[in-house]
Amino acid sequence: MGFDPHEPEQRDQLNDALKAADISMGELWLRYFSICGSAGEYEVHAYSQGLISLPVFQRDLLAMAANELIAEKPQLHAPFSDQLNGAESNGAASGSGSTGTAATLDRHPGDTGKDTSR
């Protein structure tokens, strides 16, 4: 089985995503295997290094496993002033800051908007 023209790019982007999310090849393989991936752990390691080729379906299962693991990682975001301890003492919680725009800013998609600083 030879490499398909998109396989190196798909492999490189998979490796980049795993590195950025601090996910090990062992974690990836375990998730991949749990969703019916058929390559062994040794084969997944060899694929990630470009030593062997995998069929498109198996590569897509690896991508699915990686995306699931990445989605489970806590997402970092910068806090708004009303999310910090003591924010109410300086008027930030009431929106009475110098511009009054803090209350109208869009929040991070996972943010409920509730003040959890108490």
C-alpha atoms as a PDB file:
ATOM      1  CA  MET A   1       0.000   0.000   0.000  1.00  0.00           C
ATOM      2  CA  GLY A   2       1.477   3.345  -1.006  1.00  0.00           C
ATOM      3  CA  PHE A   3       0.976   6.764   0.442  1.00  0.00           C
ATOM      4  CA  ASP A   4      -1.989   8.727  -0.801  1.00  0.00           C
ATOM      5  CA  PRO A   5      -1.054  12.313  -1.717  1.00  0.00           C
ATOM      6  CA  HIS A   6      -2.849  13.782   1.335  1.00  0.00           C
ATOM      7  CA  GLU A   7      -1.534  11.316   3.900  1.00  0.00           C
ATOM      8  CA  PRO A   8       1.647  13.228   4.857  1.00  0.00           C
ATOM      9  CA  GLU A   9      -0.311  16.449   5.427  1.00  0.00           C
ATOM     10  CA  GLN A  10      -2.977  14.638   7.447  1.00  0.00           C
ATOM     11  CA  ARG A  11      -0.290  12.904   9.541  1.00  0.00           C
ATOM     12  CA  ASP A  12       1.619  16.162  10.161  1.00  0.00           C
ATOM     13  CA  GLN A  13      -1.499  18.011  11.243  1.00  0.00           C
ATOM     14  CA  LEU A  14      -2.494  15.127  13.524  1.00  0.00           C
ATOM     15  CA  ASN A  15       0.951  15.222  15.150  1.00  0.00           C
ATOM     16  CA  ASP A  16       0.760  19.020  15.524  1.00  0.00           C
ATOM     17  CA  ALA A  17      -2.680  18.825  17.163  1.00  0.00           C
ATOM     18  CA  LEU A  18      -1.551  16.112  19.576  1.00  0.00           C
ATOM     19  CA  LYS A  19       1.536  18.091  20.533  1.00  0.00           C
ATOM     20  CA  ALA A  20      -0.435  21.304  21.075  1.00  0.00           C
ATOM     21  CA  ALA A  21      -2.964  19.476  23.270  1.00  0.00           C
ATOM     22  CA  ASP A  22      -0.255  17.498  25.107  1.00  0.00           C
ATOM     23  CA  ILE A  23      -1.789  14.136  24.162  1.00  0.00           C
ATOM     24  CA  SER A  24       0.490  11.107  24.037  1.00  0.00           C
ATOM     25  CA  MET A  25       0.514   8.559  21.261  1.00  0.00           C
ATOM     26  CA  GLY A  26      -0.556   5.950  23.825  1.00  0.00           C
ATOM     27  CA  GLU A  27      -3.620   8.008  24.785  1.00  0.00           C
ATOM     28  CA  LEU A  28      -4.468   8.459  21.111  1.00  0.00           C
ATOM     29  CA  TRP A  29      -4.129   4.762  20.370  1.00  0.00           C
ATOM     30  CA  LEU A  30      -6.322   3.759  23.325  1.00  0.00           C
ATOM     31  CA  ARG A  31      -9.122   6.097  22.215  1.00  0.00           C
ATOM     32  CA  TYR A  32      -8.675   5.030  18.562  1.00  0.00           C
ATOM     33  CA  PHE A  33      -8.861   1.362  19.541  1.00  0.00           C
ATOM     34  CA  SER A  34     -11.976   2.012  21.644  1.00  0.00           C
ATOM     35  CA  ILE A  35     -13.783   3.357  18.549  1.00  0.00           C
ATOM     36  CA  CYS A  36     -12.943   0.231  16.515  1.00  0.00           C
ATOM     37  CA  GLY A  37      -9.567   1.227  15.096  1.00  0.00           C
ATOM     38  CA  SER A  38      -7.781  -1.859  13.839  1.00  0.00           C
ATOM     39  CA  ALA A  39      -4.119  -0.804  13.781  1.00  0.00           C
ATOM     40  CA  GLY A  40      -1.999  -1.817  16.734  1.00  0.00           C
ATOM     41  CA  GLU A  41      -0.258   0.660  18.986  1.00  0.00           C
ATOM     42  CA  TYR A  42       3.093  -0.050  17.328  1.00  0.00           C
ATOM     43  CA  GLU A  43       1.544   0.628  13.902  1.00  0.00           C
ATOM     44  CA  VAL A  44       0.042   3.931  15.059  1.00  0.00           C
ATOM     45  CA  HIS A  45       3.459   4.997  16.363  1.00  0.00           C
ATOM     46  CA  ALA A  46       5.074   4.000  13.056  1.00  0.00           C
ATOM     47  CA  TYR A  47       2.371   5.861  11.112  1.00  0.00           C
ATOM     48  CA  SER A  48       2.930   9.009  13.181  1.00  0.00           C
ATOM     49  CA  GLN A  49       6.612   8.908  12.227  1.00  0.00           C
ATOM     50  CA  GLY A  50       5.843   8.405   8.528  1.00  0.00           C
ATOM     51  CA  LEU A  51       7.256   4.886   8.469  1.00  0.00           C
ATOM     52  CA  ILE A  52       4.076   3.133   7.334  1.00  0.00           C
ATOM     53  CA  SER A  53       0.894   4.056   5.550  1.00  0.00           C
ATOM     54  CA  LEU A  54      -2.615   3.549   6.894  1.00  0.00           C
ATOM     55  CA  PRO A  55      -5.864   3.305   4.936  1.00  0.00           C
ATOM     56  CA  VAL A  56      -7.995   6.447   4.754  1.00  0.00           C
ATOM     57  CA  PHE A  57     -10.650   5.019   7.093  1.00  0.00           C
ATOM     58  CA  GLN A  58      -8.064   4.222   9.792  1.00  0.00           C
ATOM     59  CA  ARG A  59      -6.490   7.687   9.452  1.00  0.00           C
ATOM     60  CA  ASP A  60      -9.907   9.251   9.841  1.00  0.00           C
ATOM     61  CA  LEU A  61     -10.541   7.155  12.970  1.00  0.00           C
ATOM     62  CA  LEU A  62      -7.248   8.470  14.364  1.00  0.00           C
ATOM     63  CA  ALA A  63      -8.391  12.022  13.598  1.00  0.00           C
ATOM     64  CA  MET A  64     -11.738  11.344  15.291  1.00  0.00           C
ATOM     65  CA  ALA A  65     -10.006   9.930  18.371  1.00  0.00           C
ATOM     66  CA  ALA A  66      -7.646  12.910  18.531  1.00  0.00           C
ATOM     67  CA  ASN A  67     -10.521  15.389  18.180  1.00  0.00           C
ATOM     68  CA  GLU A  68     -12.458  13.666  20.978  1.00  0.00           C
ATOM     69  CA  LEU A  69      -9.434  13.811  23.282  1.00  0.00           C
ATOM     70  CA  ILE A  70      -8.775  17.454  22.412  1.00  0.00           C
ATOM     71  CA  ALA A  71     -12.415  18.345  23.107  1.00  0.00           C
ATOM     72  CA  GLU A  72     -12.102  16.843  26.593  1.00  0.00           C
ATOM     73  CA  LYS A  73      -9.177  19.094  27.506  1.00  0.00           C
ATOM     74  CA  PRO A  74     -10.083  22.199  29.508  1.00  0.00           C
ATOM     75  CA  GLN A  75      -9.985  25.239  27.272  1.00  0.00           C
ATOM     76  CA  LEU A  76      -7.958  28.185  28.476  1.00  0.00           C
ATOM     77  CA  HIS A  77      -9.284  31.708  28.227  1.00  0.00           C
ATOM     78  CA  ALA A  78      -8.506  35.061  29.758  1.00  0.00           C
ATOM     79  CA  PRO A  79     -10.843  35.991  32.614  1.00  0.00           C
ATOM     80  CA  PHE A  80     -13.088  39.014  32.612  1.00  0.00           C
ATOM     81  CA  SER A  81     -12.716  41.376  35.541  1.00  0.00           C
ATOM     82  CA  ASP A  82     -15.954  40.185  37.171  1.00  0.00           C
ATOM     83  CA  GLN A  83     -14.620  36.615  37.237  1.00  0.00           C
ATOM     84  CA  LEU A  84     -11.757  37.512  39.582  1.00  0.00           C
ATOM     85  CA  ASN A  85     -11.900  37.593  43.387  1.00  0.00           C
ATOM     86  CA  GLY A  86     -12.627  41.040  44.756  1.00  0.00           C
ATOM     87  CA  ALA A  87     -14.065  42.363  41.483  1.00  0.00           C
ATOM     88  CA  GLU A  88     -17.161  43.717  43.238  1.00  0.00           C
ATOM     89  CA  SER A  89     -15.094  45.961  45.477  1.00  0.00           C
ATOM     90  CA  ASN A  90     -13.862  48.038  42.524  1.00  0.00           C
ATOM     91  CA  GLY A  91     -17.216  48.384  40.765  1.00  0.00           C
ATOM     92  CA  ALA A  92     -16.440  46.015  37.879  1.00  0.00           C
ATOM     93  CA  ALA A  93     -19.246  43.619  38.728  1.00  0.00           C
ATOM     94  CA  SER A  94     -21.887  46.324  38.406  1.00  0.00           C
ATOM     95  CA  GLY A  95     -20.566  47.522  35.065  1.00  0.00           C
ATOM     96  CA  SER A  96     -19.754  50.934  36.500  1.00  0.00           C
ATOM     97  CA  GLY A  97     -16.156  50.969  35.307  1.00  0.00           C
ATOM     98  CA  SER A  98     -14.724  53.901  33.379  1.00  0.00           C
ATOM     99  CA  THR A  99     -16.257  52.815  30.053  1.00  0.00           C
ATOM    100  CA  GLY A 100     -19.247  50.785  31.240  1.00  0.00           C
ATOM    101  CA  THR A 101     -18.655  48.293  28.420  1.00  0.00           C
ATOM    102  CA  ALA A 102     -17.573  45.282  30.488  1.00  0.00           C
ATOM    103  CA  ALA A 103     -21.141  44.032  30.769  1.00  0.00           C
ATOM    104  CA  THR A 104     -21.692  44.139  27.004  1.00  0.00           C
ATOM    105  CA  LEU A 105     -18.610  42.197  25.891  1.00  0.00           C
ATOM    106  CA  ASP A 106     -19.119  38.792  24.341  1.00  0.00           C
ATOM    107  CA  ARG A 107     -18.036  36.023  26.609  1.00  0.00           C
ATOM    108  CA  HIS A 108     -16.144  32.798  25.901  1.00  0.00           C
ATOM    109  CA  PRO A 109     -18.528  30.160  24.422  1.00  0.00           C
ATOM    110  CA  GLY A 110     -18.187  27.936  27.519  1.00  0.00           C
ATOM    111  CA  ASP A 111     -18.751  30.816  29.958  1.00  0.00           C
ATOM    112  CA  THR A 112     -22.135  30.821  31.672  1.00  0.00           C
ATOM    113  CA  GLY A 113     -21.812  34.470  32.619  1.00  0.00           C
ATOM    114  CA  LYS A 114     -22.359  33.659  36.305  1.00  0.00           C
ATOM    115  CA  ASP A 115     -20.137  35.261  38.880  1.00  0.00           C
ATOM    116  CA  THR A 116     -18.259  32.390  40.516  1.00  0.00           C
ATOM    117  CA  SER A 117     -15.909  34.564  42.581  1.00  0.00           C
ATOM    118  CA  ARG A 118     -17.986  34.336  45.768  1.00  0.00           C
END
